[in-house]
Amino acid sequence: MEARDAARAGNEANFVLYTHHTKVKGEVELESMVDFSTDVKGKPSYIANMLEFEYGITDWWTLEFMAEGQQTKGEDYVPTGWRSENRFRLFPYGTFLNPGIYTE
């Protein structure tokens, strides 16, 4: 296989698509995501998790906050980061081609 045929992953440009749906004002969503890996080729097991809090500021604007961390077997838990997202719907539901604004 030549270098030009190799598969690539990483920090290249990418797109994440969301629908135009936002949370109803006052609606709250709490989600926990967990990733677990067992001993692979001599590396220790680890567990990583992300806690996500999503809140409808208005019927048109949704705010999301996520905190992440991980623990490797035999070591202390380490917070690995956080992020905040905002999604804002521009037009009422039913509008043809209803774009949304997204910031992270």
PDB file of N, CA and C in Angstrom:
ATOM      1  N   MET A   1       0.853  -1.167   0.000  1.00  0.00           N
ATOM      2  CA  MET A   1       0.000   0.000   0.000  1.00  0.00           C
ATOM      3  C   MET A   1       0.900   1.231   0.000  1.00  0.00           C
ATOM      4  N   GLU A   2       0.599   2.173  -0.874  1.00  0.00           N
ATOM      5  CA  GLU A   2       1.355   3.417  -0.932  1.00  0.00           C
ATOM      6  C   GLU A   2       0.838   4.388   0.115  1.00  0.00           C
ATOM      7  N   ALA A   3       1.661   5.380   0.461  1.00  0.00           N
ATOM      8  CA  ALA A   3       1.298   6.361   1.485  1.00  0.00           C
ATOM      9  C   ALA A   3       0.004   7.093   1.128  1.00  0.00           C
ATOM     10  N   ARG A   4      -0.217   7.356  -0.153  1.00  0.00           N
ATOM     11  CA  ARG A   4      -1.420   8.082  -0.536  1.00  0.00           C
ATOM     12  C   ARG A   4      -2.688   7.257  -0.352  1.00  0.00           C
ATOM     13  N   ASP A   5      -2.540   5.931  -0.212  1.00  0.00           N
ATOM     14  CA  ASP A   5      -3.679   5.044  -0.014  1.00  0.00           C
ATOM     15  C   ASP A   5      -3.985   4.784   1.462  1.00  0.00           C
ATOM     16  N   ALA A   6      -3.139   5.287   2.360  1.00  0.00           N
ATOM     17  CA  ALA A   6      -3.309   5.011   3.787  1.00  0.00           C
ATOM     18  C   ALA A   6      -4.540   5.715   4.347  1.00  0.00           C
ATOM     19  N   ALA A   7      -5.180   5.066   5.299  1.00  0.00           N
ATOM     20  CA  ALA A   7      -6.312   5.691   5.994  1.00  0.00           C
ATOM     21  C   ALA A   7      -5.766   6.706   6.977  1.00  0.00           C
ATOM     22  N   ARG A   8      -6.505   7.795   7.170  1.00  0.00           N
ATOM     23  CA  ARG A   8      -6.054   8.847   8.072  1.00  0.00           C
ATOM     24  C   ARG A   8      -7.133   9.157   9.101  1.00  0.00           C
ATOM     25  N   ALA A   9      -6.684   9.542  10.274  1.00  0.00           N
ATOM     26  CA  ALA A   9      -7.581  10.002  11.334  1.00  0.00           C
ATOM     27  C   ALA A   9      -6.855  11.084  12.104  1.00  0.00           C
ATOM     28  N   GLY A  10      -7.607  11.907  12.782  1.00  0.00           N
ATOM     29  CA  GLY A  10      -6.940  12.926  13.587  1.00  0.00           C
ATOM     30  C   GLY A  10      -7.634  14.254  13.522  1.00  0.00           C
ATOM     31  N   ASN A  11      -6.860  15.305  13.431  1.00  0.00           N
ATOM     32  CA  ASN A  11      -7.391  16.661  13.538  1.00  0.00           C
ATOM     33  C   ASN A  11      -7.692  17.308  12.200  1.00  0.00           C
ATOM     34  N   GLU A  12      -8.036  16.539  11.232  1.00  0.00           N
ATOM     35  CA  GLU A  12      -8.452  17.086   9.947  1.00  0.00           C
ATOM     36  C   GLU A  12      -9.831  17.718  10.102  1.00  0.00           C
ATOM     37  N   ALA A  13     -10.239  18.505   9.126  1.00  0.00           N
ATOM     38  CA  ALA A  13     -11.567  19.133   9.164  1.00  0.00           C
ATOM     39  C   ALA A  13     -12.641  18.053   9.219  1.00  0.00           C
ATOM     40  N   ASN A  14     -13.675  18.298   9.992  1.00  0.00           N
ATOM     41  CA  ASN A  14     -14.784  17.350  10.058  1.00  0.00           C
ATOM     42  C   ASN A  14     -16.072  18.117  10.341  1.00  0.00           C
ATOM     43  N   PHE A  15     -17.185  17.443  10.161  1.00  0.00           N
ATOM     44  CA  PHE A  15     -18.483  18.044  10.380  1.00  0.00           C
ATOM     45  C   PHE A  15     -19.289  17.174  11.328  1.00  0.00           C
ATOM     46  N   VAL A  16     -19.976  17.796  12.260  1.00  0.00           N
ATOM     47  CA  VAL A  16     -20.924  17.117  13.131  1.00  0.00           C
ATOM     48  C   VAL A  16     -22.277  17.725  12.825  1.00  0.00           C
ATOM     49  N   LEU A  17     -23.233  16.890  12.501  1.00  0.00           N
ATOM     50  CA  LEU A  17     -24.547  17.401  12.140  1.00  0.00           C
ATOM     51  C   LEU A  17     -25.523  17.217  13.286  1.00  0.00           C
ATOM     52  N   TYR A  18     -26.217  18.288  13.624  1.00  0.00           N
ATOM     53  CA  TYR A  18     -27.282  18.262  14.615  1.00  0.00           C
ATOM     54  C   TYR A  18     -28.584  18.595  13.907  1.00  0.00           C
ATOM     55  N   THR A  19     -29.682  18.142  14.471  1.00  0.00           N
ATOM     56  CA  THR A  19     -30.976  18.575  13.951  1.00  0.00           C
ATOM     57  C   THR A  19     -31.244  19.984  14.475  1.00  0.00           C
ATOM     58  N   HIS A  20     -32.302  20.591  14.006  1.00  0.00           N
ATOM     59  CA  HIS A  20     -32.653  21.935  14.460  1.00  0.00           C
ATOM     60  C   HIS A  20     -33.429  21.899  15.780  1.00  0.00           C
ATOM     61  N   HIS A  21     -33.640  20.724  16.339  1.00  0.00           N
ATOM     62  CA  HIS A  21     -34.404  20.602  17.582  1.00  0.00           C
ATOM     63  C   HIS A  21     -33.585  21.078  18.778  1.00  0.00           C
ATOM     64  N   THR A  22     -34.207  21.891  19.619  1.00  0.00           N
ATOM     65  CA  THR A  22     -33.591  22.376  20.845  1.00  0.00           C
ATOM     66  C   THR A  22     -34.472  21.956  22.022  1.00  0.00           C
ATOM     67  N   LYS A  23     -33.925  22.031  23.213  1.00  0.00           N
ATOM     68  CA  LYS A  23     -34.701  21.695  24.405  1.00  0.00           C
ATOM     69  C   LYS A  23     -35.780  22.746  24.640  1.00  0.00           C
ATOM     70  N   VAL A  24     -36.872  22.331  25.264  1.00  0.00           N
ATOM     71  CA  VAL A  24     -37.927  23.251  25.677  1.00  0.00           C
ATOM     72  C   VAL A  24     -37.393  24.046  26.865  1.00  0.00           C
ATOM     73  N   LYS A  25     -37.782  25.301  26.974  1.00  0.00           N
ATOM     74  CA  LYS A  25     -37.323  26.148  28.075  1.00  0.00           C
ATOM     75  C   LYS A  25     -37.524  25.446  29.418  1.00  0.00           C
ATOM     76  N   GLY A  26     -36.443  25.371  30.202  1.00  0.00           N
ATOM     77  CA  GLY A  26     -36.495  24.739  31.513  1.00  0.00           C
ATOM     78  C   GLY A  26     -36.256  23.240  31.512  1.00  0.00           C
ATOM     79  N   GLU A  27     -36.251  22.595  30.348  1.00  0.00           N
ATOM     80  CA  GLU A  27     -36.033  21.154  30.273  1.00  0.00           C
ATOM     81  C   GLU A  27     -34.576  20.832  30.585  1.00  0.00           C
ATOM     82  N   VAL A  28     -34.359  19.778  31.371  1.00  0.00           N
ATOM     83  CA  VAL A  28     -33.018  19.372  31.793  1.00  0.00           C
ATOM     84  C   VAL A  28     -32.757  17.946  31.344  1.00  0.00           C
ATOM     85  N   GLU A  29     -31.549  17.694  30.872  1.00  0.00           N
ATOM     86  CA  GLU A  29     -31.132  16.342  30.524  1.00  0.00           C
ATOM     87  C   GLU A  29     -29.778  16.088  31.174  1.00  0.00           C
ATOM     88  N   LEU A  30     -29.636  14.969  31.856  1.00  0.00           N
ATOM     89  CA  LEU A  30     -28.388  14.570  32.480  1.00  0.00           C
ATOM     90  C   LEU A  30     -28.017  13.215  31.919  1.00  0.00           C
ATOM     91  N   GLU A  31     -26.809  13.084  31.408  1.00  0.00           N
ATOM     92  CA  GLU A  31     -26.388  11.843  30.760  1.00  0.00           C
ATOM     93  C   GLU A  31     -24.993  11.480  31.221  1.00  0.00           C
ATOM     94  N   SER A  32     -24.762  10.202  31.429  1.00  0.00           N
ATOM     95  CA  SER A  32     -23.446   9.697  31.813  1.00  0.00           C
ATOM     96  C   SER A  32     -22.988   8.697  30.758  1.00  0.00           C
ATOM     97  N   MET A  33     -21.774   8.886  30.262  1.00  0.00           N
ATOM     98  CA  MET A  33     -21.200   7.968  29.269  1.00  0.00           C
ATOM     99  C   MET A  33     -19.930   7.366  29.856  1.00  0.00           C
ATOM    100  N   VAL A  34     -19.765   6.050  29.729  1.00  0.00           N
ATOM    101  CA  VAL A  34     -18.633   5.356  30.332  1.00  0.00           C
ATOM    102  C   VAL A  34     -17.944   4.493  29.286  1.00  0.00           C
ATOM    103  N   ASP A  35     -16.613   4.493  29.315  1.00  0.00           N
ATOM    104  CA  ASP A  35     -15.794   3.672  28.428  1.00  0.00           C
ATOM    105  C   ASP A  35     -14.849   2.859  29.304  1.00  0.00           C
ATOM    106  N   PHE A  36     -14.826   1.545  29.106  1.00  0.00           N
ATOM    107  CA  PHE A  36     -13.982   0.669  29.908  1.00  0.00           C
ATOM    108  C   PHE A  36     -13.103  -0.163  28.988  1.00  0.00           C
ATOM    109  N   SER A  37     -11.830  -0.303  29.343  1.00  0.00           N
ATOM    110  CA  SER A  37     -10.915  -1.131  28.567  1.00  0.00           C
ATOM    111  C   SER A  37     -10.191  -2.088  29.502  1.00  0.00           C
ATOM    112  N   THR A  38     -10.154  -3.344  29.123  1.00  0.00           N
ATOM    113  CA  THR A  38      -9.428  -4.327  29.927  1.00  0.00           C
ATOM    114  C   THR A  38      -7.986  -4.397  29.449  1.00  0.00           C
ATOM    115  N   ASP A  39      -7.199  -5.205  30.118  1.00  0.00           N
ATOM    116  CA  ASP A  39      -5.777  -5.357  29.823  1.00  0.00           C
ATOM    117  C   ASP A  39      -5.564  -5.773  28.364  1.00  0.00           C
ATOM    118  N   VAL A  40      -4.917  -4.897  27.588  1.00  0.00           N
ATOM    119  CA  VAL A  40      -4.638  -5.175  26.185  1.00  0.00           C
ATOM    120  C   VAL A  40      -3.131  -5.066  25.963  1.00  0.00           C
ATOM    121  N   LYS A  41      -2.502  -6.147  25.541  1.00  0.00           N
ATOM    122  CA  LYS A  41      -1.066  -6.169  25.235  1.00  0.00           C
ATOM    123  C   LYS A  41      -0.215  -5.562  26.351  1.00  0.00           C
ATOM    124  N   GLY A  42      -0.507  -5.954  27.588  1.00  0.00           N
ATOM    125  CA  GLY A  42       0.301  -5.525  28.715  1.00  0.00           C
ATOM    126  C   GLY A  42      -0.011  -4.146  29.263  1.00  0.00           C
ATOM    127  N   LYS A  43      -0.955  -3.431  28.668  1.00  0.00           N
ATOM    128  CA  LYS A  43      -1.320  -2.108  29.180  1.00  0.00           C
ATOM    129  C   LYS A  43      -2.376  -2.277  30.273  1.00  0.00           C
ATOM    130  N   PRO A  44      -2.345  -1.428  31.309  1.00  0.00           N
ATOM    131  CA  PRO A  44      -3.321  -1.565  32.401  1.00  0.00           C
ATOM    132  C   PRO A  44      -4.739  -1.179  31.970  1.00  0.00           C
ATOM    133  N   SER A  45      -5.712  -1.734  32.679  1.00  0.00           N
ATOM    134  CA  SER A  45      -7.115  -1.404  32.425  1.00  0.00           C
ATOM    135  C   SER A  45      -7.385   0.047  32.800  1.00  0.00           C
ATOM    136  N   TYR A  46      -8.391   0.644  32.157  1.00  0.00           N
ATOM    137  CA  TYR A  46      -8.778   1.999  32.525  1.00  0.00           C
ATOM    138  C   TYR A  46     -10.277   2.155  32.339  1.00  0.00           C
ATOM    139  N   ILE A  47     -10.802   3.176  32.998  1.00  0.00           N
ATOM    140  CA  ILE A  47     -12.200   3.550  32.828  1.00  0.00           C
ATOM    141  C   ILE A  47     -12.228   5.058  32.615  1.00  0.00           C
ATOM    142  N   ALA A  48     -12.978   5.473  31.617  1.00  0.00           N
ATOM    143  CA  ALA A  48     -13.128   6.903  31.317  1.00  0.00           C
ATOM    144  C   ALA A  48     -14.616   7.222  31.323  1.00  0.00           C
ATOM    145  N   ASN A  49     -14.950   8.416  31.782  1.00  0.00           N
ATOM    146  CA  ASN A  49     -16.365   8.776  31.796  1.00  0.00           C
ATOM    147  C   ASN A  49     -16.556  10.237  31.445  1.00  0.00           C
ATOM    148  N   MET A  50     -17.777  10.532  31.007  1.00  0.00           N
ATOM    149  CA  MET A  50     -18.159  11.903  30.704  1.00  0.00           C
ATOM    150  C   MET A  50     -19.554  12.119  31.266  1.00  0.00           C
ATOM    151  N   LEU A  51     -19.710  13.195  32.001  1.00  0.00           N
ATOM    152  CA  LEU A  51     -20.995  13.577  32.547  1.00  0.00           C
ATOM    153  C   LEU A  51     -21.470  14.800  31.778  1.00  0.00           C
ATOM    154  N   GLU A  52     -22.679  14.711  31.221  1.00  0.00           N
ATOM    155  CA  GLU A  52     -23.218  15.780  30.375  1.00  0.00           C
ATOM    156  C   GLU A  52     -24.486  16.350  31.003  1.00  0.00           C
ATOM    157  N   PHE A  53     -24.548  17.674  31.076  1.00  0.00           N
ATOM    158  CA  PHE A  53     -25.711  18.390  31.582  1.00  0.00           C
ATOM    159  C   PHE A  53     -26.209  19.294  30.467  1.00  0.00           C
ATOM    160  N   GLU A  54     -27.476  19.140  30.084  1.00  0.00           N
ATOM    161  CA  GLU A  54     -28.055  19.927  28.995  1.00  0.00           C
ATOM    162  C   GLU A  54     -29.287  20.650  29.522  1.00  0.00           C
ATOM    163  N   TYR A  55     -29.447  21.937  29.172  1.00  0.00           N
ATOM    164  CA  TYR A  55     -30.527  22.746  29.718  1.00  0.00           C
ATOM    165  C   TYR A  55     -31.100  23.660  28.642  1.00  0.00           C
ATOM    166  N   GLY A  56     -32.425  23.742  28.588  1.00  0.00           N
ATOM    167  CA  GLY A  56     -33.104  24.638  27.657  1.00  0.00           C
ATOM    168  C   GLY A  56     -33.212  26.033  28.253  1.00  0.00           C
ATOM    169  N   ILE A  57     -32.324  26.935  27.838  1.00  0.00           N
ATOM    170  CA  ILE A  57     -32.350  28.318  28.318  1.00  0.00           C
ATOM    171  C   ILE A  57     -33.655  28.984  27.862  1.00  0.00           C
ATOM    172  N   THR A  58     -33.955  28.854  26.572  1.00  0.00           N
ATOM    173  CA  THR A  58     -35.227  29.271  25.994  1.00  0.00           C
ATOM    174  C   THR A  58     -35.674  28.145  25.069  1.00  0.00           C
ATOM    175  N   ASP A  59     -36.817  28.295  24.432  1.00  0.00           N
ATOM    176  CA  ASP A  59     -37.255  27.276  23.469  1.00  0.00           C
ATOM    177  C   ASP A  59     -36.355  27.245  22.236  1.00  0.00           C
ATOM    178  N   TRP A  60     -35.538  28.255  22.054  1.00  0.00           N
ATOM    179  CA  TRP A  60     -34.690  28.368  20.868  1.00  0.00           C
ATOM    180  C   TRP A  60     -33.212  28.126  21.174  1.00  0.00           C
ATOM    181  N   TRP A  61     -32.822  28.127  22.455  1.00  0.00           N
ATOM    182  CA  TRP A  61     -31.407  28.079  22.837  1.00  0.00           C
ATOM    183  C   TRP A  61     -31.173  26.979  23.865  1.00  0.00           C
ATOM    184  N   THR A  62     -30.251  26.069  23.568  1.00  0.00           N
ATOM    185  CA  THR A  62     -29.886  24.982  24.467  1.00  0.00           C
ATOM    186  C   THR A  62     -28.419  25.108  24.852  1.00  0.00           C
ATOM    187  N   LEU A  63     -28.142  25.004  26.149  1.00  0.00           N
ATOM    188  CA  LEU A  63     -26.780  25.056  26.681  1.00  0.00           C
ATOM    189  C   LEU A  63     -26.405  23.671  27.179  1.00  0.00           C
ATOM    190  N   GLU A  64     -25.167  23.278  26.916  1.00  0.00           N
ATOM    191  CA  GLU A  64     -24.701  21.956  27.313  1.00  0.00           C
ATOM    192  C   GLU A  64     -23.334  22.097  27.973  1.00  0.00           C
ATOM    193  N   PHE A  65     -23.108  21.377  29.068  1.00  0.00           N
ATOM    194  CA  PHE A  65     -21.828  21.367  29.753  1.00  0.00           C
ATOM    195  C   PHE A  65     -21.411  19.924  29.955  1.00  0.00           C
ATOM    196  N   MET A  66     -20.152  19.602  29.644  1.00  0.00           N
ATOM    197  CA  MET A  66     -19.643  18.242  29.794  1.00  0.00           C
ATOM    198  C   MET A  66     -18.339  18.258  30.577  1.00  0.00           C
ATOM    199  N   ALA A  67     -18.188  17.318  31.517  1.00  0.00           N
ATOM    200  CA  ALA A  67     -16.954  17.142  32.276  1.00  0.00           C
ATOM    201  C   ALA A  67     -16.470  15.711  32.061  1.00  0.00           C
ATOM    202  N   GLU A  68     -15.167  15.554  31.829  1.00  0.00           N
ATOM    203  CA  GLU A  68     -14.605  14.244  31.517  1.00  0.00           C
ATOM    204  C   GLU A  68     -13.477  13.897  32.475  1.00  0.00           C
ATOM    205  N   GLY A  69     -13.256  12.602  32.655  1.00  0.00           N
ATOM    206  CA  GLY A  69     -12.160  12.137  33.490  1.00  0.00           C
ATOM    207  C   GLY A  69     -11.862  10.679  33.207  1.00  0.00           C
ATOM    208  N   GLN A  70     -10.769  10.193  33.796  1.00  0.00           N
ATOM    209  CA  GLN A  70     -10.418   8.787  33.598  1.00  0.00           C
ATOM    210  C   GLN A  70      -9.577   8.290  34.761  1.00  0.00           C
ATOM    211  N   GLN A  71      -9.604   6.974  34.929  1.00  0.00           N
ATOM    212  CA  GLN A  71      -8.793   6.344  35.969  1.00  0.00           C
ATOM    213  C   GLN A  71      -8.155   5.096  35.397  1.00  0.00           C
ATOM    214  N   THR A  72      -6.847   5.020  35.521  1.00  0.00           N
ATOM    215  CA  THR A  72      -6.097   3.839  35.109  1.00  0.00           C
ATOM    216  C   THR A  72      -5.928   2.950  36.336  1.00  0.00           C
ATOM    217  N   LYS A  73      -6.004   1.650  36.146  1.00  0.00           N
ATOM    218  CA  LYS A  73      -5.915   0.702  37.252  1.00  0.00           C
ATOM    219  C   LYS A  73      -4.671   0.989  38.094  1.00  0.00           C
ATOM    220  N   GLY A  74      -4.877   1.118  39.402  1.00  0.00           N
ATOM    221  CA  GLY A  74      -3.778   1.360  40.320  1.00  0.00           C
ATOM    222  C   GLY A  74      -3.384   2.826  40.465  1.00  0.00           C
ATOM    223  N   GLU A  75      -4.083   3.720  39.782  1.00  0.00           N
ATOM    224  CA  GLU A  75      -3.770   5.150  39.860  1.00  0.00           C
ATOM    225  C   GLU A  75      -5.004   5.922  40.322  1.00  0.00           C
ATOM    226  N   ASP A  76      -4.801   7.194  40.660  1.00  0.00           N
ATOM    227  CA  ASP A  76      -5.911   8.046  41.085  1.00  0.00           C
ATOM    228  C   ASP A  76      -6.748   8.479  39.885  1.00  0.00           C
ATOM    229  N   TYR A  77      -7.992   8.858  40.167  1.00  0.00           N
ATOM    230  CA  TYR A  77      -8.873   9.425  39.152  1.00  0.00           C
ATOM    231  C   TYR A  77      -8.320  10.780  38.720  1.00  0.00           C
ATOM    232  N   VAL A  78      -8.337  11.045  37.407  1.00  0.00           N
ATOM    233  CA  VAL A  78      -7.788  12.290  36.865  1.00  0.00           C
ATOM    234  C   VAL A  78      -8.849  12.985  36.011  1.00  0.00           C
ATOM    235  N   PRO A  79      -9.235  14.216  36.364  1.00  0.00           N
ATOM    236  CA  PRO A  79     -10.115  14.973  35.464  1.00  0.00           C
ATOM    237  C   PRO A  79      -9.339  15.295  34.188  1.00  0.00           C
ATOM    238  N   THR A  80      -9.944  15.052  33.034  1.00  0.00           N
ATOM    239  CA  THR A  80      -9.214  15.245  31.772  1.00  0.00           C
ATOM    240  C   THR A  80      -9.710  16.424  30.952  1.00  0.00           C
ATOM    241  N   GLY A  81     -10.794  17.057  31.367  1.00  0.00           N
ATOM    242  CA  GLY A  81     -11.229  18.235  30.629  1.00  0.00           C
ATOM    243  C   GLY A  81     -12.707  18.505  30.764  1.00  0.00           C
ATOM    244  N   TRP A  82     -13.120  19.592  30.161  1.00  0.00           N
ATOM    245  CA  TRP A  82     -14.515  19.991  30.146  1.00  0.00           C
ATOM    246  C   TRP A  82     -14.771  20.776  28.866  1.00  0.00           C
ATOM    247  N   ARG A  83     -16.022  20.910  28.528  1.00  0.00           N
ATOM    248  CA  ARG A  83     -16.395  21.745  27.376  1.00  0.00           C
ATOM    249  C   ARG A  83     -17.834  22.208  27.534  1.00  0.00           C
ATOM    250  N   SER A  84     -18.137  23.245  26.821  1.00  0.00           N
ATOM    251  CA  SER A  84     -19.463  23.821  26.838  1.00  0.00           C
ATOM    252  C   SER A  84     -19.930  23.996  25.399  1.00  0.00           C
ATOM    253  N   GLU A  85     -21.186  23.672  25.146  1.00  0.00           N
ATOM    254  CA  GLU A  85     -21.766  23.831  23.807  1.00  0.00           C
ATOM    255  C   GLU A  85     -23.022  24.681  23.900  1.00  0.00           C
ATOM    256  N   ASN A  86     -23.276  25.425  22.859  1.00  0.00           N
ATOM    257  CA  ASN A  86     -24.505  26.206  22.716  1.00  0.00           C
ATOM    258  C   ASN A  86     -25.104  25.894  21.355  1.00  0.00           C
ATOM    259  N   ARG A  87     -26.412  25.632  21.340  1.00  0.00           N
ATOM    260  CA  ARG A  87     -27.125  25.436  20.072  1.00  0.00           C
ATOM    261  C   ARG A  87     -28.286  26.417  20.052  1.00  0.00           C
ATOM    262  N   PHE A  88     -28.402  27.169  18.972  1.00  0.00           N
ATOM    263  CA  PHE A  88     -29.453  28.175  18.843  1.00  0.00           C
ATOM    264  C   PHE A  88     -30.176  27.982  17.519  1.00  0.00           C
ATOM    265  N   ARG A  89     -31.496  27.773  17.591  1.00  0.00           N
ATOM    266  CA  ARG A  89     -32.327  27.600  16.395  1.00  0.00           C
ATOM    267  C   ARG A  89     -32.762  28.978  15.915  1.00  0.00           C
ATOM    268  N   LEU A  90     -32.630  29.247  14.616  1.00  0.00           N
ATOM    269  CA  LEU A  90     -32.907  30.575  14.081  1.00  0.00           C
ATOM    270  C   LEU A  90     -34.385  30.862  13.814  1.00  0.00           C
ATOM    271  N   PHE A  91     -35.133  29.841  13.400  1.00  0.00           N
ATOM    272  CA  PHE A  91     -36.527  30.057  12.996  1.00  0.00           C
ATOM    273  C   PHE A  91     -37.457  29.083  13.727  1.00  0.00           C
ATOM    274  N   PRO A  92     -38.766  29.343  13.714  1.00  0.00           N
ATOM    275  CA  PRO A  92     -39.719  28.421  14.355  1.00  0.00           C
ATOM    276  C   PRO A  92     -39.714  27.060  13.655  1.00  0.00           C
ATOM    277  N   TYR A  93     -40.154  26.027  14.386  1.00  0.00           N
ATOM    278  CA  TYR A  93     -40.306  24.701  13.770  1.00  0.00           C
ATOM    279  C   TYR A  93     -41.253  24.804  12.593  1.00  0.00           C
ATOM    280  N   GLY A  94     -41.005  24.003  11.573  1.00  0.00           N
ATOM    281  CA  GLY A  94     -41.842  24.022  10.381  1.00  0.00           C
ATOM    282  C   GLY A  94     -41.272  24.885   9.275  1.00  0.00           C
ATOM    283  N   THR A  95     -40.234  25.656   9.569  1.00  0.00           N
ATOM    284  CA  THR A  95     -39.591  26.494   8.553  1.00  0.00           C
ATOM    285  C   THR A  95     -38.718  25.616   7.668  1.00  0.00           C
ATOM    286  N   PHE A  96     -38.840  25.772   6.365  1.00  0.00           N
ATOM    287  CA  PHE A  96     -38.031  25.008   5.421  1.00  0.00           C
ATOM    288  C   PHE A  96     -36.569  25.429   5.580  1.00  0.00           C
ATOM    289  N   LEU A  97     -35.663  24.471   5.627  1.00  0.00           N
ATOM    290  CA  LEU A  97     -34.233  24.724   5.811  1.00  0.00           C
ATOM    291  C   LEU A  97     -33.975  25.605   7.038  1.00  0.00           C
ATOM    292  N   ASN A  98     -34.244  25.050   8.184  1.00  0.00           N
ATOM    293  CA  ASN A  98     -34.113  25.768   9.449  1.00  0.00           C
ATOM    294  C   ASN A  98     -32.698  25.589  10.007  1.00  0.00           C
ATOM    295  N   PRO A  99     -31.792  26.530   9.750  1.00  0.00           N
ATOM    296  CA  PRO A  99     -30.413  26.372  10.222  1.00  0.00           C
ATOM    297  C   PRO A  99     -30.309  26.654  11.724  1.00  0.00           C
ATOM    298  N   GLY A 100     -29.253  26.160  12.312  1.00  0.00           N
ATOM    299  CA  GLY A 100     -28.986  26.420  13.713  1.00  0.00           C
ATOM    300  C   GLY A 100     -27.563  26.928  13.867  1.00  0.00           C
ATOM    301  N   ILE A 101     -27.304  27.674  14.913  1.00  0.00           N
ATOM    302  CA  ILE A 101     -25.958  28.153  15.212  1.00  0.00           C
ATOM    303  C   ILE A 101     -25.419  27.293  16.354  1.00  0.00           C
ATOM    304  N   TYR A 102     -24.195  26.835  16.191  1.00  0.00           N
ATOM    305  CA  TYR A 102     -23.575  25.949  17.164  1.00  0.00           C
ATOM    306  C   TYR A 102     -22.212  26.523  17.552  1.00  0.00           C
ATOM    307  N   THR A 103     -21.941  26.619  18.855  1.00  0.00           N
ATOM    308  CA  THR A 103     -20.621  27.030  19.328  1.00  0.00           C
ATOM    309  C   THR A 103     -20.143  26.039  20.370  1.00  0.00           C
ATOM    310  N   GLU A 104     -18.843  25.867  20.443  1.00  0.00           N
ATOM    311  CA  GLU A 104     -18.265  24.953  21.447  1.00  0.00           C
ATOM    312  C   GLU A 104     -17.065  25.625  22.058  1.00  0.00           C
TER     313      GLU A 104
END
